[in-house]
Protein backbone atom coordinates (compact mmCIF):
# COMPACT_ATOMS: atom_id res chain seq x y z
CA MET A 1 -18.11 46.83 31.02
CA SER A 2 -18.75 49.09 28.05
CA GLN A 3 -15.92 50.71 26.14
CA ALA A 4 -16.93 54.10 27.56
CA ASP A 5 -16.16 52.76 31.07
CA ASP A 6 -12.81 51.21 30.11
CA PRO A 7 -9.94 53.44 31.38
CA ALA A 8 -7.62 52.33 28.55
CA ALA A 9 -10.27 53.08 25.94
CA GLN A 10 -10.88 56.46 27.56
CA ARG A 11 -7.15 57.32 27.40
CA ALA A 12 -7.00 56.26 23.74
CA PHE A 13 -10.10 58.26 22.84
CA LEU A 14 -8.85 61.33 24.71
CA ALA A 15 -5.45 61.00 23.05
CA ARG A 16 -7.10 61.08 19.60
CA VAL A 17 -9.05 64.22 20.51
CA ILE A 18 -5.96 65.99 21.87
CA ALA A 19 -3.83 64.91 18.92
CA GLU A 20 -6.39 66.31 16.49
CA LEU A 21 -6.57 69.60 18.40
CA ILE A 22 -2.79 69.99 18.21
CA ALA A 23 -2.85 69.14 14.50
CA VAL A 24 -5.65 71.64 13.83
CA ARG A 25 -3.75 74.39 15.62
CA ARG A 26 -0.64 73.76 13.53
CA ALA A 27 -2.61 73.44 10.30
CA ARG A 28 -4.48 76.70 10.96
CA LEU A 29 -1.22 78.56 11.44
CA LEU A 30 0.29 77.19 8.24
CA SER A 31 -2.97 77.73 6.33
CA MET A 32 -3.16 81.38 7.37
CA LEU A 33 0.43 81.93 6.26
CA VAL A 34 -0.27 80.29 2.89
CA LEU A 35 -3.49 82.28 2.42
CA ALA A 36 -1.74 85.54 3.32
CA LEU A 37 1.06 84.88 0.84
CA ALA A 38 -1.35 83.83 -1.92
CA MET A 39 -3.56 86.90 -1.50
CA LEU A 40 -0.56 89.23 -1.41
CA VAL A 41 0.89 87.65 -4.56
CA ALA A 42 -2.43 87.97 -6.41
CA GLY A 43 -2.92 91.52 -5.12
CA LEU A 44 0.55 92.66 -6.13
CA GLY A 45 0.08 91.05 -9.55
CA ALA A 46 -3.16 92.97 -10.03
CA ALA A 47 -1.52 96.22 -8.85
CA VAL A 48 1.39 95.85 -11.28
CA GLN A 49 -0.94 94.91 -14.13
CA ALA A 50 -3.11 97.98 -13.45
CA GLN A 51 -0.17 100.30 -14.16
CA GLY A 52 0.38 101.36 -17.75
CA ASP A 53 -0.74 103.91 -20.30
CA HIS A 54 -4.20 103.86 -18.77
CA ILE A 55 -4.57 103.05 -15.10
CA ASP A 56 -7.24 100.38 -14.62
CA ALA A 57 -9.34 101.42 -11.62
CA VAL A 58 -11.07 98.04 -11.40
CA LEU A 59 -7.77 96.18 -11.21
CA LEU A 60 -6.46 98.66 -8.64
CA PHE A 61 -9.56 98.10 -6.49
CA SER A 62 -9.13 94.34 -6.87
CA ALA A 63 -5.48 94.66 -5.90
CA PHE A 64 -6.39 96.71 -2.83
CA SER A 65 -9.03 94.16 -1.80
CA LEU A 66 -6.69 91.19 -2.23
CA ILE A 67 -3.88 92.89 -0.34
CA MET A 68 -6.26 93.76 2.52
CA ILE A 69 -7.40 90.12 2.63
CA GLY A 70 -3.75 89.07 2.71
CA ILE A 71 -3.09 91.39 5.65
CA VAL A 72 -6.12 90.01 7.51
CA CYS A 73 -4.85 86.46 6.90
CA ALA A 74 -1.43 87.50 8.20
CA LEU A 75 -3.10 88.82 11.36
CA GLY A 76 -4.96 85.51 11.57
CA ALA A 77 -1.60 83.73 11.42
CA ILE A 78 -0.35 85.85 14.32
CA ILE A 79 -3.44 84.94 16.36
CA ALA A 80 -2.99 81.26 15.45
CA TRP A 81 0.64 81.49 16.57
CA THR A 82 -0.39 82.83 19.98
CA ARG A 83 -2.83 79.92 20.41
CA ILE A 84 -0.57 77.12 19.24
CA ASN A 85 1.17 76.80 22.61
CA ARG A 86 -1.94 77.03 24.79
CA ASP A 87 -2.39 74.17 27.24
CA VAL A 88 -4.29 71.49 25.33
CA LEU A 89 -5.80 69.92 28.46
CA ASP A 90 -7.20 73.24 29.67
CA SER A 91 -8.55 73.90 26.17
CA ILE A 92 -10.65 70.73 26.15
CA ALA A 93 -11.65 70.65 29.83
CA ALA A 94 -15.15 72.06 29.35
CA THR A 95 -16.18 70.93 25.87
CA ARG A 96 -14.96 68.57 23.20
CA PRO A 97 -13.49 70.47 20.24
CA ALA A 98 -15.32 70.07 16.94
CA ARG A 99 -13.84 67.60 14.49
CA ALA A 100 -11.94 69.22 11.64
CA LYS A 101 -13.70 69.02 8.29
CA ALA A 102 -10.55 68.71 6.23
CA PRO A 103 -8.65 66.16 4.13
CA ARG A 104 -7.38 63.40 6.42
CA THR A 105 -5.43 61.24 3.97
CA ARG A 106 -2.60 62.04 1.59
CA ASN A 107 -4.79 61.14 -1.40
CA ALA A 108 -7.49 63.58 -0.26
CA GLY A 109 -4.89 66.28 0.28
CA LEU A 110 -3.44 65.61 -3.15
CA ALA A 111 -6.92 65.87 -4.70
CA VAL A 112 -7.35 69.35 -3.17
CA ALA A 113 -3.90 70.36 -4.44
CA VAL A 114 -4.65 69.14 -7.97
CA GLY A 115 -7.99 71.00 -7.92
CA PHE A 116 -6.37 74.32 -7.02
CA ALA A 117 -3.60 73.77 -9.58
CA ILE A 118 -6.14 73.10 -12.35
CA VAL A 119 -8.16 76.20 -11.43
CA GLY A 120 -5.00 78.31 -11.43
CA ILE A 121 -3.84 77.04 -14.81
CA LEU A 122 -7.33 77.51 -16.26
CA PHE A 123 -7.62 81.12 -15.11
CA GLY A 124 -4.02 81.81 -16.12
CA THR A 125 -4.70 80.53 -19.62
CA LEU A 126 -7.87 82.60 -19.96
CA LEU A 127 -6.21 85.81 -18.75
CA TRP A 128 -2.80 85.46 -20.37
CA GLY A 129 -3.72 87.20 -23.61
CA GLN A 130 -4.85 90.46 -21.99
CA THR A 131 -3.28 90.52 -18.53
CA PRO A 132 -0.15 88.34 -18.50
CA ILE A 133 1.22 89.69 -15.21
CA LEU A 134 -2.08 89.12 -13.42
CA ALA A 135 -2.39 85.69 -15.03
CA GLY A 136 1.02 84.70 -13.73
CA ALA A 137 0.19 86.02 -10.26
CA ILE A 138 -3.07 84.06 -10.19
CA VAL A 139 -1.32 80.86 -11.24
CA LEU A 140 1.29 81.36 -8.51
CA ALA A 141 -1.41 82.18 -5.93
CA CYS A 142 -3.38 79.04 -6.83
CA LEU A 143 -0.22 76.93 -6.60
CA LEU A 144 0.28 78.32 -3.10
CA LEU A 145 -3.35 77.54 -2.24
CA ALA A 146 -2.77 74.02 -3.53
CA CYS A 147 -0.57 73.51 -0.48
CA LEU A 148 -3.61 73.72 1.82
CA GLY A 149 -4.81 70.18 1.13
CA PRO A 150 -1.46 68.49 1.81
CA ILE A 151 -0.90 70.68 4.90
CA TRP A 152 -4.15 69.57 6.57
CA ALA A 153 -3.81 65.96 5.43
CA ASN A 154 -0.23 65.74 6.71
CA GLU A 155 -0.99 67.35 10.07
CA LEU A 156 -4.05 65.18 10.72
CA ALA A 157 -2.37 61.99 9.49
CA ASN A 158 0.63 62.51 11.77
CA ALA A 159 -1.35 63.81 14.76
CA ASP A 160 -1.05 60.65 16.89
CA ASP A 161 2.71 60.38 16.36
CA ARG A 162 3.21 64.06 17.21
CA LEU A 163 1.22 63.71 20.44
CA ALA A 164 3.30 60.68 21.43
CA VAL A 165 6.48 62.72 20.96
CA ILE A 166 5.03 65.62 22.97
CA LEU A 167 4.01 63.33 25.85
CA ASP A 168 7.44 61.66 25.85
CA SER A 169 9.21 65.03 26.02
CA ASP A 170 6.89 66.69 28.57
CA ASP A 171 6.70 64.73 31.82
CA ASP A 172 4.31 67.21 33.44
CA LEU A 173 1.82 67.02 30.57
CA SER A 174 2.14 63.24 30.48
CA ALA A 175 1.40 62.97 34.22
CA ARG A 176 -1.61 65.28 33.92
CA PHE A 177 -2.90 63.40 30.88
CA ALA A 178 -2.79 60.09 32.78
CA THR A 179 -5.41 61.30 35.26
CA PHE A 180 -7.22 63.95 33.20
CA THR A 181 -10.91 63.18 32.59
CA PRO A 182 -13.02 65.97 31.07
CA ILE A 183 -16.71 66.05 31.90
CA TRP A 184 -17.75 65.31 28.31
CA LEU A 185 -15.58 62.22 27.79
CA HIS A 186 -18.01 59.44 28.71
CA GLU A 187 -20.92 60.89 26.72
CA ALA A 188 -18.69 61.62 23.71
CA MET A 189 -17.39 58.05 23.65
CA GLU A 190 -20.92 56.67 23.79
CA SER A 191 -22.16 58.92 20.98
CA ASP A 192 -19.16 58.04 18.81
CA ALA A 193 -19.72 54.33 19.44
CA ALA A 194 -23.41 54.72 18.51
CA ALA A 195 -22.48 56.58 15.33
CA GLU A 196 -20.21 53.74 14.26
């Protein structure tokens, strides 16, 4: 009997898919909140820097753009919040969700964080002489963006443990999961086994 026909292997494979979906939902919500805050910080920094003896129209336009992006990200966070509690089994009944292309280990998440921090410090250093307020805002925004890597890495790394807790605390979901078999499961297991 192939692994794709083994009920235990099917449950384990399905559990990994569901766990990743839950982790992605949580990570998207947190990412949108971080992005919204970072864009608003950078936008407000640009708006404050634009004020002075001579109003800088370019900085004001940049501030407006960044603040609008921040508002859109905040709306994205609201949408992500409404989706976070959707039934995971219904969500994967028809098709397998795409795998998240994000850092999956703490080292990878840390690498993303260090990258954003370096970019922020670099831009802050370059801008400090002429626009210190904007430079400080950019550094702070990049430090906020540096949280994205650890957020995704942490959510994906702890996905299996979180699913186990959810199944232990929700008897109805656990009972449904025990007999749930989406139409794509067998083919997905075979393609994953072939890819390995």
